[in-house]
Amino acid sequence: MTPPEAPEDGTATQGTKPPAVSVCLEVLKNRSEFLAASRARKQGTKAMMVQARQRRSDEAADPDAIRVGFTCSKKVGNAVARNRAKRRLREVARAVLPAKGKPGWDYVLIGRATETSVRPFEVLKGDLMYALKKLHTDRP
C-alpha cells in the first residue's frame, strides 16, 4: 500500500504535519533583562509567577521575537528540584508562547516552591495561558 500523494496545489492532506510556527522564541540571559522584566507587569498563578514587559523600539533585540527567561529561587528546593521546575517551565513556554505570547515582549517565568514540579502539565499550560490573558488586557 502506498501513501497518498500530496495535491499539487500545496494544500495539506491527512497524515502530513502542519507547518512550523513562525514565531521565534529567544532566551533571556543577562541580569539586566531579568531586572527590566521585574519592574513591569506581573501576574501570579498557583504554579508560577509571570512577569511581562513590552520592549522599546530602540532596543537591539529582534522586534518580532518573543523573549523568555526562567528562574527558580532556593525556596523551590535543591538544585535538582529547581532544574526540574525550570525544565517544566521551558516546556510550557515552548507549547504556549508561540500561540498566546506577543512579538516584541519579554516574559520571565518564576517557579513556585511546591506547585511547579507537581502540577499536571495541562493545568500548568492553563496557568500560563490565564496569566498571559491577564497581562495583555488593558488596565486602567
C-alpha atoms as a PDB file:
ATOM      1  CA  MET A   1       0.000   0.000   0.000  1.00  0.00           C
ATOM      2  CA  THR A   2       1.466   3.349  -0.996  1.00  0.00           C
ATOM      3  CA  PRO A   3       0.868   6.570   0.943  1.00  0.00           C
ATOM      4  CA  PRO A   4      -1.461   9.103  -0.656  1.00  0.00           C
ATOM      5  CA  GLU A   5       0.246  11.722  -2.741  1.00  0.00           C
ATOM      6  CA  ALA A   6       0.072  15.386  -1.759  1.00  0.00           C
ATOM      7  CA  PRO A   7      -2.005  17.584  -4.041  1.00  0.00           C
ATOM      8  CA  GLU A   8      -0.061  19.745  -6.446  1.00  0.00           C
ATOM      9  CA  ASP A   9      -1.566  22.987  -5.129  1.00  0.00           C
ATOM     10  CA  GLY A  10       0.406  22.632  -1.874  1.00  0.00           C
ATOM     11  CA  THR A  11      -2.526  22.089   0.486  1.00  0.00           C
ATOM     12  CA  ALA A  12      -2.020  19.714   3.380  1.00  0.00           C
ATOM     13  CA  THR A  13      -3.661  16.315   3.419  1.00  0.00           C
ATOM     14  CA  GLN A  14      -4.454  13.943   6.232  1.00  0.00           C
ATOM     15  CA  GLY A  15      -1.284  12.454   7.667  1.00  0.00           C
ATOM     16  CA  THR A  16       1.011  15.372   6.837  1.00  0.00           C
ATOM     17  CA  LYS A  17       2.473  17.612   9.507  1.00  0.00           C
ATOM     18  CA  PRO A  18       1.312  21.223   9.817  1.00  0.00           C
ATOM     19  CA  PRO A  19       3.849  23.920   9.035  1.00  0.00           C
ATOM     20  CA  ALA A  20       6.143  25.013  11.845  1.00  0.00           C
ATOM     21  CA  VAL A  21       5.209  28.067  13.882  1.00  0.00           C
ATOM     22  CA  SER A  22       6.967  31.143  12.540  1.00  0.00           C
ATOM     23  CA  VAL A  23       7.374  32.888  15.916  1.00  0.00           C
ATOM     24  CA  CYS A  24      10.910  32.899  17.246  1.00  0.00           C
ATOM     25  CA  LEU A  25      11.479  32.271  20.977  1.00  0.00           C
ATOM     26  CA  GLU A  26      14.718  33.677  22.362  1.00  0.00           C
ATOM     27  CA  VAL A  27      16.061  33.075  25.868  1.00  0.00           C
ATOM     28  CA  LEU A  28      16.870  35.941  28.215  1.00  0.00           C
ATOM     29  CA  LYS A  29      20.398  35.583  29.585  1.00  0.00           C
ATOM     30  CA  ASN A  30      21.517  38.908  31.055  1.00  0.00           C
ATOM     31  CA  ARG A  31      20.644  40.048  34.562  1.00  0.00           C
ATOM     32  CA  SER A  32      19.642  43.464  33.212  1.00  0.00           C
ATOM     33  CA  GLU A  33      16.966  41.845  31.017  1.00  0.00           C
ATOM     34  CA  PHE A  34      15.508  39.993  34.025  1.00  0.00           C
ATOM     35  CA  LEU A  35      15.557  43.195  36.102  1.00  0.00           C
ATOM     36  CA  ALA A  36      13.761  45.133  33.366  1.00  0.00           C
ATOM     37  CA  ALA A  37      11.016  42.495  33.320  1.00  0.00           C
ATOM     38  CA  SER A  38      10.743  42.557  37.114  1.00  0.00           C
ATOM     39  CA  ARG A  39       9.812  46.256  37.008  1.00  0.00           C
ATOM     40  CA  ALA A  40       6.971  45.626  34.530  1.00  0.00           C
ATOM     41  CA  ARG A  41       3.627  43.811  34.757  1.00  0.00           C
ATOM     42  CA  LYS A  42       3.270  40.726  36.951  1.00  0.00           C
ATOM     43  CA  GLN A  43       0.629  38.046  37.167  1.00  0.00           C
ATOM     44  CA  GLY A  44       0.709  35.197  39.651  1.00  0.00           C
ATOM     45  CA  THR A  45      -0.928  31.824  39.279  1.00  0.00           C
ATOM     46  CA  LYS A  46      -0.894  28.808  41.535  1.00  0.00           C
ATOM     47  CA  ALA A  47       2.060  27.256  39.684  1.00  0.00           C
ATOM     48  CA  MET A  48       4.158  30.258  38.642  1.00  0.00           C
ATOM     49  CA  MET A  49       4.684  33.992  38.600  1.00  0.00           C
ATOM     50  CA  VAL A  50       4.815  35.567  35.138  1.00  0.00           C
ATOM     51  CA  GLN A  51       6.467  38.927  34.537  1.00  0.00           C
ATOM     52  CA  ALA A  52       5.973  40.595  31.169  1.00  0.00           C
ATOM     53  CA  ARG A  53       7.114  43.783  29.507  1.00  0.00           C
ATOM     54  CA  GLN A  54       6.861  45.232  26.043  1.00  0.00           C
ATOM     55  CA  ARG A  55      10.275  46.099  24.650  1.00  0.00           C
ATOM     56  CA  ARG A  56      11.023  49.616  23.491  1.00  0.00           C
ATOM     57  CA  SER A  57      11.590  50.189  19.791  1.00  0.00           C
ATOM     58  CA  ASP A  58      15.176  51.391  20.376  1.00  0.00           C
ATOM     59  CA  GLU A  59      16.322  48.087  21.924  1.00  0.00           C
ATOM     60  CA  ALA A  60      18.715  45.904  19.961  1.00  0.00           C
ATOM     61  CA  ALA A  61      16.562  42.737  20.118  1.00  0.00           C
ATOM     62  CA  ASP A  62      14.572  41.466  17.139  1.00  0.00           C
ATOM     63  CA  PRO A  63      11.184  43.261  17.285  1.00  0.00           C
ATOM     64  CA  ASP A  64       9.336  40.155  16.061  1.00  0.00           C
ATOM     65  CA  ALA A  65      10.872  37.784  18.611  1.00  0.00           C
ATOM     66  CA  ILE A  66       9.307  36.660  21.858  1.00  0.00           C
ATOM     67  CA  ARG A  67      11.980  36.526  24.557  1.00  0.00           C
ATOM     68  CA  VAL A  68      11.541  34.379  27.650  1.00  0.00           C
ATOM     69  CA  GLY A  69      13.546  33.741  30.808  1.00  0.00           C
ATOM     70  CA  PHE A  70      13.181  31.143  33.553  1.00  0.00           C
ATOM     71  CA  THR A  71      14.143  31.272  37.195  1.00  0.00           C
ATOM     72  CA  CYS A  72      13.506  29.486  40.474  1.00  0.00           C
ATOM     73  CA  SER A  73      14.683  30.593  43.910  1.00  0.00           C
ATOM     74  CA  LYS A  74      16.202  28.321  46.511  1.00  0.00           C
ATOM     75  CA  LYS A  75      12.766  28.143  48.142  1.00  0.00           C
ATOM     76  CA  VAL A  76      11.845  25.668  45.395  1.00  0.00           C
ATOM     77  CA  GLY A  77      14.398  23.199  46.760  1.00  0.00           C
ATOM     78  CA  ASN A  78      17.820  21.876  45.959  1.00  0.00           C
ATOM     79  CA  ALA A  79      19.431  22.129  42.521  1.00  0.00           C
ATOM     80  CA  VAL A  80      17.668  19.003  41.272  1.00  0.00           C
ATOM     81  CA  ALA A  81      14.229  20.372  42.229  1.00  0.00           C
ATOM     82  CA  ARG A  82      14.975  23.810  40.750  1.00  0.00           C
ATOM     83  CA  ASN A  83      16.180  22.300  37.469  1.00  0.00           C
ATOM     84  CA  ARG A  84      13.101  20.061  37.257  1.00  0.00           C
ATOM     85  CA  ALA A  85      10.829  23.069  37.778  1.00  0.00           C
ATOM     86  CA  LYS A  86      12.702  25.099  35.135  1.00  0.00           C
ATOM     87  CA  ARG A  87      12.528  22.209  32.641  1.00  0.00           C
ATOM     88  CA  ARG A  88       8.751  22.083  33.088  1.00  0.00           C
ATOM     89  CA  LEU A  89       8.504  25.871  32.664  1.00  0.00           C
ATOM     90  CA  ARG A  90      10.576  25.674  29.470  1.00  0.00           C
ATOM     91  CA  GLU A  91       8.261  23.033  28.008  1.00  0.00           C
ATOM     92  CA  VAL A  92       5.155  25.010  28.942  1.00  0.00           C
ATOM     93  CA  ALA A  93       6.628  28.163  27.372  1.00  0.00           C
ATOM     94  CA  ARG A  94       7.538  26.233  24.228  1.00  0.00           C
ATOM     95  CA  ALA A  95       3.969  24.942  23.971  1.00  0.00           C
ATOM     96  CA  VAL A  96       2.053  28.140  24.815  1.00  0.00           C
ATOM     97  CA  LEU A  97       4.074  31.259  23.986  1.00  0.00           C
ATOM     98  CA  PRO A  98       4.230  30.905  20.177  1.00  0.00           C
ATOM     99  CA  ALA A  99       0.427  30.963  20.064  1.00  0.00           C
ATOM    100  CA  LYS A 100      -0.508  33.176  23.027  1.00  0.00           C
ATOM    101  CA  GLY A 101       2.535  35.410  23.505  1.00  0.00           C
ATOM    102  CA  LYS A 102       3.013  38.698  21.666  1.00  0.00           C
ATOM    103  CA  PRO A 103       6.026  39.510  19.485  1.00  0.00           C
ATOM    104  CA  GLY A 104       8.127  42.303  20.944  1.00  0.00           C
ATOM    105  CA  TRP A 105       7.505  41.219  24.539  1.00  0.00           C
ATOM    106  CA  ASP A 106       9.801  39.752  27.201  1.00  0.00           C
ATOM    107  CA  TYR A 107       8.440  37.179  29.647  1.00  0.00           C
ATOM    108  CA  VAL A 108      10.026  35.792  32.814  1.00  0.00           C
ATOM    109  CA  LEU A 109       8.530  32.631  34.324  1.00  0.00           C
ATOM    110  CA  ILE A 110       9.296  32.102  38.006  1.00  0.00           C
ATOM    111  CA  GLY A 111       8.686  28.687  39.534  1.00  0.00           C
ATOM    112  CA  ARG A 112       6.820  28.263  42.814  1.00  0.00           C
ATOM    113  CA  ALA A 113       8.053  26.144  45.703  1.00  0.00           C
ATOM    114  CA  THR A 114       5.586  23.273  45.870  1.00  0.00           C
ATOM    115  CA  GLU A 115       3.400  23.582  42.799  1.00  0.00           C
ATOM    116  CA  THR A 116       5.535  23.928  39.666  1.00  0.00           C
ATOM    117  CA  SER A 117       7.014  20.432  39.704  1.00  0.00           C
ATOM    118  CA  VAL A 118       3.925  18.501  40.789  1.00  0.00           C
ATOM    119  CA  ARG A 119       1.127  20.279  38.904  1.00  0.00           C
ATOM    120  CA  PRO A 120      -0.265  18.334  35.914  1.00  0.00           C
ATOM    121  CA  PHE A 121       1.183  19.577  32.634  1.00  0.00           C
ATOM    122  CA  GLU A 122      -2.157  20.552  31.066  1.00  0.00           C
ATOM    123  CA  VAL A 123      -3.059  22.565  34.166  1.00  0.00           C
ATOM    124  CA  LEU A 124       0.378  24.211  34.034  1.00  0.00           C
ATOM    125  CA  LYS A 125      -0.327  25.231  30.432  1.00  0.00           C
ATOM    126  CA  GLY A 126      -3.685  26.603  31.503  1.00  0.00           C
ATOM    127  CA  ASP A 127      -1.999  28.650  34.233  1.00  0.00           C
ATOM    128  CA  LEU A 128       0.348  30.251  31.712  1.00  0.00           C
ATOM    129  CA  MET A 129      -2.495  30.979  29.281  1.00  0.00           C
ATOM    130  CA  TYR A 130      -4.511  32.591  32.086  1.00  0.00           C
ATOM    131  CA  ALA A 131      -1.543  34.745  33.134  1.00  0.00           C
ATOM    132  CA  LEU A 132      -0.889  35.870  29.550  1.00  0.00           C
ATOM    133  CA  LYS A 133      -4.535  36.780  29.057  1.00  0.00           C
ATOM    134  CA  LYS A 134      -4.497  38.896  32.228  1.00  0.00           C
ATOM    135  CA  LEU A 135      -1.161  40.523  31.358  1.00  0.00           C
ATOM    136  CA  HIS A 136      -2.263  41.538  27.866  1.00  0.00           C
ATOM    137  CA  THR A 137      -5.582  43.086  28.859  1.00  0.00           C
ATOM    138  CA  ASP A 138      -5.509  46.866  29.155  1.00  0.00           C
ATOM    139  CA  ARG A 139      -5.534  48.082  32.723  1.00  0.00           C
ATOM    140  CA  PRO A 140      -6.864  51.474  33.834  1.00  0.00           C
END
